Amino acid sequence: MSTPRNSKVPSQTGLDHSLLIPALPCRAFTFRAFGTDSNAMLPSEYKIDYDSLLSTAQSEPAINLSLFLQQQLPLKWRDAYAATIPRPTNIACFRLRTFEYICDLYSEMEILGEVPFDQTSEDRVIAVLGTSAREEERRDSSRIRRWVGPTDELLGAYRDKGHFMAHCIGGGLDVNLFSQERRLNRGWSPQGKTYRQMETYCYEQPGTFCFSRPIYVDGSSVPRWLEFGLLKTDQTLWVETFEN
């Protein structure tokens, strides 16, 4: 079930549209990425070869791997996203605390008359990345309740108002909220337990590079899969894919 159109897109003032520019050639750095048996099966057209991206990192001892990933992953995600949807995209970025949010603002193109109005195409987040940090303010539960209205009524009995980045590791509200499968969000299912373990790692290791990548199969703002990854202290990349 989709959420109301434009329900989580921030003010467009100051948005960075630089990801619209073609990526420049760069070296590829690789290390080891790993997962667990809880991994969902992601169709090949949506996959990112994280092992290939990190393959030469061991031979580059001076490389800042976290910074490299923050620079290169958005380009990989942008290209994969654009290749799997049949309509034009309008990619924009903005920063909220320690995280960068990458969004596809279809409604902006509608407003400008660049594309026809389409009720089935919603503004949505295509990736969030940055470093974990302890929360600076209390969780605003009333504000979460106001987002799109009553959860069960508008999202369904088996859905939650989830966070791309947990509040405890510095994630905010509004654009950080999405319709999430309840057992995954609450850690009730096997994959939910893994999801919680990854969030806990980021919480216990402030400054951990991590990312959340929602993957869509239609025009809505509800992901079919959710990819979550983090860079461990031993410089291995832990990436999991979850059903949503």
C-alpha atoms as a PDB file:
ATOM      1  CA  MET A   1       0.000   0.000   0.000  1.00  0.00           C
ATOM      2  CA  SER A   2       1.390   3.393  -0.937  1.00  0.00           C
ATOM      3  CA  THR A   3       1.481   6.501   1.197  1.00  0.00           C
ATOM      4  CA  PRO A   4      -0.063   9.854   0.195  1.00  0.00           C
ATOM      5  CA  ARG A   5       1.902  11.594  -2.525  1.00  0.00           C
ATOM      6  CA  ASN A   6       4.839  13.759  -1.415  1.00  0.00           C
ATOM      7  CA  SER A   7       4.214  12.797   2.206  1.00  0.00           C
ATOM      8  CA  LYS A   8       7.873  12.630   3.172  1.00  0.00           C
ATOM      9  CA  VAL A   9       9.742  14.937   0.851  1.00  0.00           C
ATOM     10  CA  PRO A  10      11.473  17.893   2.534  1.00  0.00           C
ATOM     11  CA  SER A  11      11.458  21.457   1.385  1.00  0.00           C
ATOM     12  CA  GLN A  12      13.248  21.568  -1.940  1.00  0.00           C
ATOM     13  CA  THR A  13      15.221  24.688  -1.002  1.00  0.00           C
ATOM     14  CA  GLY A  14      18.934  23.963  -1.095  1.00  0.00           C
ATOM     15  CA  LEU A  15      18.630  20.507  -2.620  1.00  0.00           C
ATOM     16  CA  ASP A  16      21.706  19.277  -4.442  1.00  0.00           C
ATOM     17  CA  HIS A  17      20.979  17.918  -7.935  1.00  0.00           C
ATOM     18  CA  SER A  18      24.631  17.052  -8.633  1.00  0.00           C
ATOM     19  CA  LEU A  19      23.859  13.346  -9.028  1.00  0.00           C
ATOM     20  CA  LEU A  20      22.225  14.250 -12.320  1.00  0.00           C
ATOM     21  CA  ILE A  21      25.751  14.800 -13.652  1.00  0.00           C
ATOM     22  CA  PRO A  22      27.338  11.664 -15.212  1.00  0.00           C
ATOM     23  CA  ALA A  23      29.869   9.965 -12.957  1.00  0.00           C
ATOM     24  CA  LEU A  24      33.529  10.638 -13.640  1.00  0.00           C
ATOM     25  CA  PRO A  25      35.941   7.717 -14.163  1.00  0.00           C
ATOM     26  CA  CYS A  26      37.531   6.519 -10.933  1.00  0.00           C
ATOM     27  CA  ARG A  27      39.538   3.677  -9.497  1.00  0.00           C
ATOM     28  CA  ALA A  28      37.655   0.721  -8.031  1.00  0.00           C
ATOM     29  CA  PHE A  29      38.425  -0.308  -4.467  1.00  0.00           C
ATOM     30  CA  THR A  30      37.413  -3.657  -3.065  1.00  0.00           C
ATOM     31  CA  PHE A  31      37.370  -5.435   0.252  1.00  0.00           C
ATOM     32  CA  ARG A  32      35.230  -8.297   1.553  1.00  0.00           C
ATOM     33  CA  ALA A  33      31.472  -7.980   1.930  1.00  0.00           C
ATOM     34  CA  PHE A  34      29.470 -10.637   3.721  1.00  0.00           C
ATOM     35  CA  GLY A  35      25.936 -11.460   4.815  1.00  0.00           C
ATOM     36  CA  THR A  36      23.901 -14.059   6.684  1.00  0.00           C
ATOM     37  CA  ASP A  37      21.320 -16.683   5.829  1.00  0.00           C
ATOM     38  CA  SER A  38      18.587 -14.113   6.475  1.00  0.00           C
ATOM     39  CA  ASN A  39      19.396 -12.402   3.179  1.00  0.00           C
ATOM     40  CA  ALA A  40      16.466 -11.983   0.806  1.00  0.00           C
ATOM     41  CA  MET A  41      16.964 -12.970  -2.809  1.00  0.00           C
ATOM     42  CA  LEU A  42      17.459  -9.767  -4.765  1.00  0.00           C
ATOM     43  CA  PRO A  43      16.914  -9.931  -8.557  1.00  0.00           C
ATOM     44  CA  SER A  44      20.116  -9.345 -10.508  1.00  0.00           C
ATOM     45  CA  GLU A  45      18.971  -6.052 -12.049  1.00  0.00           C
ATOM     46  CA  TYR A  46      18.875  -4.459  -8.586  1.00  0.00           C
ATOM     47  CA  LYS A  47      22.155  -5.839  -7.272  1.00  0.00           C
ATOM     48  CA  ILE A  48      25.266  -3.806  -6.571  1.00  0.00           C
ATOM     49  CA  ASP A  49      28.594  -5.645  -6.708  1.00  0.00           C
ATOM     50  CA  TYR A  50      30.001  -4.423  -3.414  1.00  0.00           C
ATOM     51  CA  ASP A  51      32.834  -6.963  -3.540  1.00  0.00           C
ATOM     52  CA  SER A  52      33.984  -5.564  -6.874  1.00  0.00           C
ATOM     53  CA  LEU A  53      33.711  -2.000  -5.604  1.00  0.00           C
ATOM     54  CA  LEU A  54      36.010  -2.826  -2.699  1.00  0.00           C
ATOM     55  CA  SER A  55      38.395  -5.376  -4.281  1.00  0.00           C
ATOM     56  CA  THR A  56      41.640  -3.362  -4.269  1.00  0.00           C
ATOM     57  CA  ALA A  57      41.264  -1.597  -0.899  1.00  0.00           C
ATOM     58  CA  GLN A  58      43.817  -3.847   0.821  1.00  0.00           C
ATOM     59  CA  SER A  59      46.519  -2.617  -1.538  1.00  0.00           C
ATOM     60  CA  GLU A  60      45.676   1.013  -0.695  1.00  0.00           C
ATOM     61  CA  PRO A  61      46.561   1.343   3.018  1.00  0.00           C
ATOM     62  CA  ALA A  62      46.119   5.112   3.041  1.00  0.00           C
ATOM     63  CA  ILE A  63      42.592   5.048   1.600  1.00  0.00           C
ATOM     64  CA  ASN A  64      39.782   6.424   3.748  1.00  0.00           C
ATOM     65  CA  LEU A  65      37.310   3.673   2.966  1.00  0.00           C
ATOM     66  CA  SER A  66      34.359   5.380   4.619  1.00  0.00           C
ATOM     67  CA  LEU A  67      34.892   8.543   2.595  1.00  0.00           C
ATOM     68  CA  PHE A  68      35.400   6.549  -0.595  1.00  0.00           C
ATOM     69  CA  LEU A  69      32.118   4.689  -0.096  1.00  0.00           C
ATOM     70  CA  GLN A  70      30.264   7.929   0.614  1.00  0.00           C
ATOM     71  CA  GLN A  71      31.549   9.325  -2.676  1.00  0.00           C
ATOM     72  CA  GLN A  72      31.090   6.288  -4.916  1.00  0.00           C
ATOM     73  CA  LEU A  73      28.040   4.408  -3.673  1.00  0.00           C
ATOM     74  CA  PRO A  74      25.541   7.174  -4.584  1.00  0.00           C
ATOM     75  CA  LEU A  75      26.696   6.938  -8.206  1.00  0.00           C
ATOM     76  CA  LYS A  76      26.218   3.159  -8.243  1.00  0.00           C
ATOM     77  CA  TRP A  77      22.797   3.409  -6.655  1.00  0.00           C
ATOM     78  CA  ARG A  78      21.698   6.204  -8.980  1.00  0.00           C
ATOM     79  CA  ASP A  79      22.617   4.215 -12.083  1.00  0.00           C
ATOM     80  CA  ALA A  80      20.953   1.026 -10.819  1.00  0.00           C
ATOM     81  CA  TYR A  81      17.801   2.934  -9.873  1.00  0.00           C
ATOM     82  CA  ALA A  82      17.521   4.724 -13.216  1.00  0.00           C
ATOM     83  CA  ALA A  83      18.026   1.454 -15.101  1.00  0.00           C
ATOM     84  CA  THR A  84      15.106  -0.265 -13.392  1.00  0.00           C
ATOM     85  CA  ILE A  85      12.285   2.277 -13.722  1.00  0.00           C
ATOM     86  CA  PRO A  86      10.476   3.205 -16.964  1.00  0.00           C
ATOM     87  CA  ARG A  87      10.044   6.927 -16.302  1.00  0.00           C
ATOM     88  CA  PRO A  88      12.301  10.003 -16.026  1.00  0.00           C
ATOM     89  CA  THR A  89      14.019  10.612 -12.688  1.00  0.00           C
ATOM     90  CA  ASN A  90      14.797  13.787 -10.768  1.00  0.00           C
ATOM     91  CA  ILE A  91      17.537  12.907  -8.296  1.00  0.00           C
ATOM     92  CA  ALA A  92      18.325  15.346  -5.507  1.00  0.00           C
ATOM     93  CA  CYS A  93      20.298  15.150  -2.255  1.00  0.00           C
ATOM     94  CA  PHE A  94      20.231  16.893   1.095  1.00  0.00           C
ATOM     95  CA  ARG A  95      21.958  16.417   4.441  1.00  0.00           C
ATOM     96  CA  LEU A  96      20.270  15.947   7.796  1.00  0.00           C
ATOM     97  CA  ARG A  97      22.752  15.760  10.681  1.00  0.00           C
ATOM     98  CA  THR A  98      25.271  13.023   9.798  1.00  0.00           C
ATOM     99  CA  PHE A  99      23.248  11.445   6.982  1.00  0.00           C
ATOM    100  CA  GLU A 100      22.814  12.232   3.305  1.00  0.00           C
ATOM    101  CA  TYR A 101      19.360  11.551   1.815  1.00  0.00           C
ATOM    102  CA  ILE A 102      19.084  10.848  -1.908  1.00  0.00           C
ATOM    103  CA  CYS A 103      15.574  11.307  -3.292  1.00  0.00           C
ATOM    104  CA  ASP A 104      13.691  11.052  -6.561  1.00  0.00           C
ATOM    105  CA  LEU A 105      11.415  14.100  -6.703  1.00  0.00           C
ATOM    106  CA  TYR A 106       8.990  13.233  -9.482  1.00  0.00           C
ATOM    107  CA  SER A 107       6.481  15.853  -8.331  1.00  0.00           C
ATOM    108  CA  GLU A 108       9.004  18.626  -9.026  1.00  0.00           C
ATOM    109  CA  MET A 109       8.994  17.637 -12.700  1.00  0.00           C
ATOM    110  CA  GLU A 110       5.178  17.580 -12.666  1.00  0.00           C
ATOM    111  CA  ILE A 111       5.081  21.106 -11.237  1.00  0.00           C
ATOM    112  CA  LEU A 112       7.495  22.335 -13.909  1.00  0.00           C
ATOM    113  CA  GLY A 113       5.441  20.672 -16.652  1.00  0.00           C
ATOM    114  CA  GLU A 114       8.320  18.421 -17.696  1.00  0.00           C
ATOM    115  CA  VAL A 115       6.288  15.212 -17.261  1.00  0.00           C
ATOM    116  CA  PRO A 116       2.554  14.462 -17.143  1.00  0.00           C
ATOM    117  CA  PHE A 117       0.821  14.188 -13.788  1.00  0.00           C
ATOM    118  CA  ASP A 118       0.889  10.571 -12.609  1.00  0.00           C
ATOM    119  CA  GLN A 119      -0.952   9.549  -9.435  1.00  0.00           C
ATOM    120  CA  THR A 120       0.983   6.266  -9.311  1.00  0.00           C
ATOM    121  CA  SER A 121       4.438   7.894  -9.243  1.00  0.00           C
ATOM    122  CA  GLU A 122       5.418   9.139  -5.800  1.00  0.00           C
ATOM    123  CA  ASP A 123       8.364  11.116  -4.492  1.00  0.00           C
ATOM    124  CA  ARG A 124      10.616   8.712  -2.604  1.00  0.00           C
ATOM    125  CA  VAL A 125      13.971   8.101  -0.981  1.00  0.00           C
ATOM    126  CA  ILE A 126      16.383   5.959  -2.990  1.00  0.00           C
ATOM    127  CA  ALA A 127      19.248   5.845  -0.460  1.00  0.00           C
ATOM    128  CA  VAL A 128      20.464   7.177   2.880  1.00  0.00           C
ATOM    129  CA  LEU A 129      24.129   7.070   3.884  1.00  0.00           C
ATOM    130  CA  GLY A 130      26.457   8.586   6.451  1.00  0.00           C
ATOM    131  CA  THR A 131      27.859   7.854   9.891  1.00  0.00           C
ATOM    132  CA  SER A 132      26.043   6.798  13.040  1.00  0.00           C
ATOM    133  CA  ALA A 133      25.716   9.231  15.940  1.00  0.00           C
ATOM    134  CA  ARG A 134      23.890   9.304  19.246  1.00  0.00           C
ATOM    135  CA  GLU A 135      20.532  11.037  19.081  1.00  0.00           C
ATOM    136  CA  GLU A 136      20.513  14.727  19.986  1.00  0.00           C
ATOM    137  CA  GLU A 137      16.859  15.001  20.973  1.00  0.00           C
ATOM    138  CA  ARG A 138      14.053  12.889  22.355  1.00  0.00           C
ATOM    139  CA  ARG A 139      11.969  10.797  19.988  1.00  0.00           C
ATOM    140  CA  ASP A 140       8.926  12.838  18.913  1.00  0.00           C
ATOM    141  CA  SER A 141       6.248  10.131  19.042  1.00  0.00           C
ATOM    142  CA  SER A 142       3.394  12.556  18.378  1.00  0.00           C
ATOM    143  CA  ARG A 143       5.080  13.761  15.193  1.00  0.00           C
ATOM    144  CA  ILE A 144       5.489  10.159  14.018  1.00  0.00           C
ATOM    145  CA  ARG A 145       1.797   9.505  14.672  1.00  0.00           C
ATOM    146  CA  ARG A 146       0.871  12.521  12.534  1.00  0.00           C
ATOM    147  CA  TRP A 147       2.896  11.240   9.549  1.00  0.00           C
ATOM    148  CA  VAL A 148       0.213  10.154   7.000  1.00  0.00           C
ATOM    149  CA  GLY A 149      -2.227   9.415   9.855  1.00  0.00           C
ATOM    150  CA  PRO A 150      -3.164   6.226  11.779  1.00  0.00           C
ATOM    151  CA  THR A 151      -0.721   3.420  10.959  1.00  0.00           C
ATOM    152  CA  ASP A 152      -3.099   0.450  10.713  1.00  0.00           C
ATOM    153  CA  GLU A 153      -5.722   2.419   8.815  1.00  0.00           C
ATOM    154  CA  LEU A 154      -3.444   3.895   6.149  1.00  0.00           C
ATOM    155  CA  LEU A 155      -0.497   1.478   5.963  1.00  0.00           C
ATOM    156  CA  GLY A 156      -2.124  -1.801   6.971  1.00  0.00           C
ATOM    157  CA  ALA A 157      -2.259  -4.085   9.995  1.00  0.00           C
ATOM    158  CA  TYR A 158       1.165  -5.594   9.298  1.00  0.00           C
ATOM    159  CA  ARG A 159       3.028  -2.352   8.651  1.00  0.00           C
ATOM    160  CA  ASP A 160       4.915   0.134  10.839  1.00  0.00           C
ATOM    161  CA  LYS A 161       6.171   3.655  10.367  1.00  0.00           C
ATOM    162  CA  GLY A 162       9.787   2.595  10.131  1.00  0.00           C
ATOM    163  CA  HIS A 163      12.987   4.629   9.921  1.00  0.00           C
ATOM    164  CA  PHE A 164      15.568   4.313   7.166  1.00  0.00           C
ATOM    165  CA  MET A 165      18.057   5.211   9.886  1.00  0.00           C
ATOM    166  CA  ALA A 166      17.072   4.417  13.464  1.00  0.00           C
ATOM    167  CA  HIS A 167      16.502   7.348  15.780  1.00  0.00           C
ATOM    168  CA  CYS A 168      19.066   5.926  18.206  1.00  0.00           C
ATOM    169  CA  ILE A 169      21.853   6.250  15.604  1.00  0.00           C
ATOM    170  CA  GLY A 170      20.958   9.781  14.529  1.00  0.00           C
ATOM    171  CA  GLY A 171      18.114   9.270  12.062  1.00  0.00           C
ATOM    172  CA  GLY A 172      15.436  11.952  11.930  1.00  0.00           C
ATOM    173  CA  LEU A 173      11.741  12.045  11.027  1.00  0.00           C
ATOM    174  CA  ASP A 174       9.736  13.089   7.957  1.00  0.00           C
ATOM    175  CA  VAL A 175      11.895  12.024   5.007  1.00  0.00           C
ATOM    176  CA  ASN A 176      13.450   9.321   7.200  1.00  0.00           C
ATOM    177  CA  LEU A 177      10.076   7.588   7.673  1.00  0.00           C
ATOM    178  CA  PHE A 178       8.642   4.881   5.417  1.00  0.00           C
ATOM    179  CA  SER A 179       6.153   2.008   5.411  1.00  0.00           C
ATOM    180  CA  GLN A 180       8.047  -0.962   6.878  1.00  0.00           C
ATOM    181  CA  GLU A 181       7.044  -4.570   7.431  1.00  0.00           C
ATOM    182  CA  ARG A 182       6.209  -4.814  11.131  1.00  0.00           C
ATOM    183  CA  ARG A 183       8.143  -7.978  12.022  1.00  0.00           C
ATOM    184  CA  LEU A 184      11.252  -6.616  10.334  1.00  0.00           C
ATOM    185  CA  ASN A 185      10.993  -3.263  12.086  1.00  0.00           C
ATOM    186  CA  ARG A 186      10.403  -4.763  15.527  1.00  0.00           C
ATOM    187  CA  GLY A 187      12.947  -7.565  15.281  1.00  0.00           C
ATOM    188  CA  TRP A 188      10.336 -10.329  15.552  1.00  0.00           C
ATOM    189  CA  SER A 189      11.306 -12.348  12.454  1.00  0.00           C
ATOM    190  CA  PRO A 190      14.692 -13.985  11.733  1.00  0.00           C
ATOM    191  CA  GLN A 191      15.530 -11.207   9.289  1.00  0.00           C
ATOM    192  CA  GLY A 192      14.230  -8.673  11.810  1.00  0.00           C
ATOM    193  CA  LYS A 193      16.693  -9.973  14.389  1.00  0.00           C
ATOM    194  CA  THR A 194      19.556  -9.485  11.932  1.00  0.00           C
ATOM    195  CA  TYR A 195      18.281  -5.998  11.125  1.00  0.00           C
ATOM    196  CA  ARG A 196      18.292  -5.127  14.828  1.00  0.00           C
ATOM    197  CA  GLN A 197      21.802  -6.543  15.242  1.00  0.00           C
ATOM    198  CA  MET A 198      23.055  -4.210  12.533  1.00  0.00           C
ATOM    199  CA  GLU A 199      21.363  -1.181  14.091  1.00  0.00           C
ATOM    200  CA  THR A 200      22.789  -2.143  17.471  1.00  0.00           C
ATOM    201  CA  TYR A 201      26.291  -2.370  15.984  1.00  0.00           C
ATOM    202  CA  CYS A 202      25.940   1.164  14.618  1.00  0.00           C
ATOM    203  CA  TYR A 203      24.660   2.398  17.978  1.00  0.00           C
ATOM    204  CA  GLU A 204      27.471   0.788  19.962  1.00  0.00           C
ATOM    205  CA  GLN A 205      30.097   2.061  17.516  1.00  0.00           C
ATOM    206  CA  PRO A 206      29.314   5.786  16.961  1.00  0.00           C
ATOM    207  CA  GLY A 207      30.878   7.064  13.755  1.00  0.00           C
ATOM    208  CA  THR A 208      30.197   3.820  11.867  1.00  0.00           C
ATOM    209  CA  PHE A 209      29.620   4.308   8.147  1.00  0.00           C
ATOM    210  CA  CYS A 210      26.231   2.818   7.280  1.00  0.00           C
ATOM    211  CA  PHE A 211      23.597   3.009   4.577  1.00  0.00           C
ATOM    212  CA  SER A 212      19.984   2.118   3.878  1.00  0.00           C
ATOM    213  CA  ARG A 213      18.903   1.494   0.294  1.00  0.00           C
ATOM    214  CA  PRO A 214      15.191   0.972  -0.419  1.00  0.00           C
ATOM    215  CA  ILE A 215      14.485  -0.939  -3.625  1.00  0.00           C
ATOM    216  CA  TYR A 216      11.186  -0.491  -5.476  1.00  0.00           C
ATOM    217  CA  VAL A 217       9.280  -2.516  -8.065  1.00  0.00           C
ATOM    218  CA  ASP A 218       6.506   0.018  -8.762  1.00  0.00           C
ATOM    219  CA  GLY A 219       5.980   3.772  -8.648  1.00  0.00           C
ATOM    220  CA  SER A 220       5.040   3.943  -4.966  1.00  0.00           C
ATOM    221  CA  SER A 221       7.147   5.054  -2.014  1.00  0.00           C
ATOM    222  CA  VAL A 222       6.913   1.602  -0.374  1.00  0.00           C
ATOM    223  CA  PRO A 223      10.091  -0.469  -0.927  1.00  0.00           C
ATOM    224  CA  ARG A 224       9.852  -4.121  -1.956  1.00  0.00           C
ATOM    225  CA  TRP A 225      13.262  -4.776  -0.417  1.00  0.00           C
ATOM    226  CA  LEU A 226      15.502  -2.898   1.967  1.00  0.00           C
ATOM    227  CA  GLU A 227      19.275  -3.159   1.745  1.00  0.00           C
ATOM    228  CA  PHE A 228      21.201  -2.182   4.867  1.00  0.00           C
ATOM    229  CA  GLY A 229      24.983  -2.052   5.103  1.00  0.00           C
ATOM    230  CA  LEU A 230      27.723  -0.947   7.464  1.00  0.00           C
ATOM    231  CA  LEU A 231      31.508  -0.754   7.531  1.00  0.00           C
ATOM    232  CA  LYS A 232      32.859  -2.748  10.485  1.00  0.00           C
ATOM    233  CA  THR A 233      35.890  -1.757  12.521  1.00  0.00           C
ATOM    234  CA  ASP A 234      37.945  -4.466  10.766  1.00  0.00           C
ATOM    235  CA  GLN A 235      37.138  -2.710   7.445  1.00  0.00           C
ATOM    236  CA  THR A 236      34.800  -5.433   6.194  1.00  0.00           C
ATOM    237  CA  LEU A 237      31.504  -4.375   4.685  1.00  0.00           C
ATOM    238  CA  TRP A 238      28.425  -6.054   6.176  1.00  0.00           C
ATOM    239  CA  VAL A 239      25.496  -5.852   3.758  1.00  0.00           C
ATOM    240  CA  GLU A 240      22.096  -7.541   4.110  1.00  0.00           C
ATOM    241  CA  THR A 241      18.952  -7.485   1.967  1.00  0.00           C
ATOM    242  CA  PHE A 242      15.569  -7.690   3.705  1.00  0.00           C
ATOM    243  CA  GLU A 243      12.036  -8.400   2.475  1.00  0.00           C
ATOM    244  CA  ASN A 244       9.684  -5.509   3.077  1.00  0.00           C
END
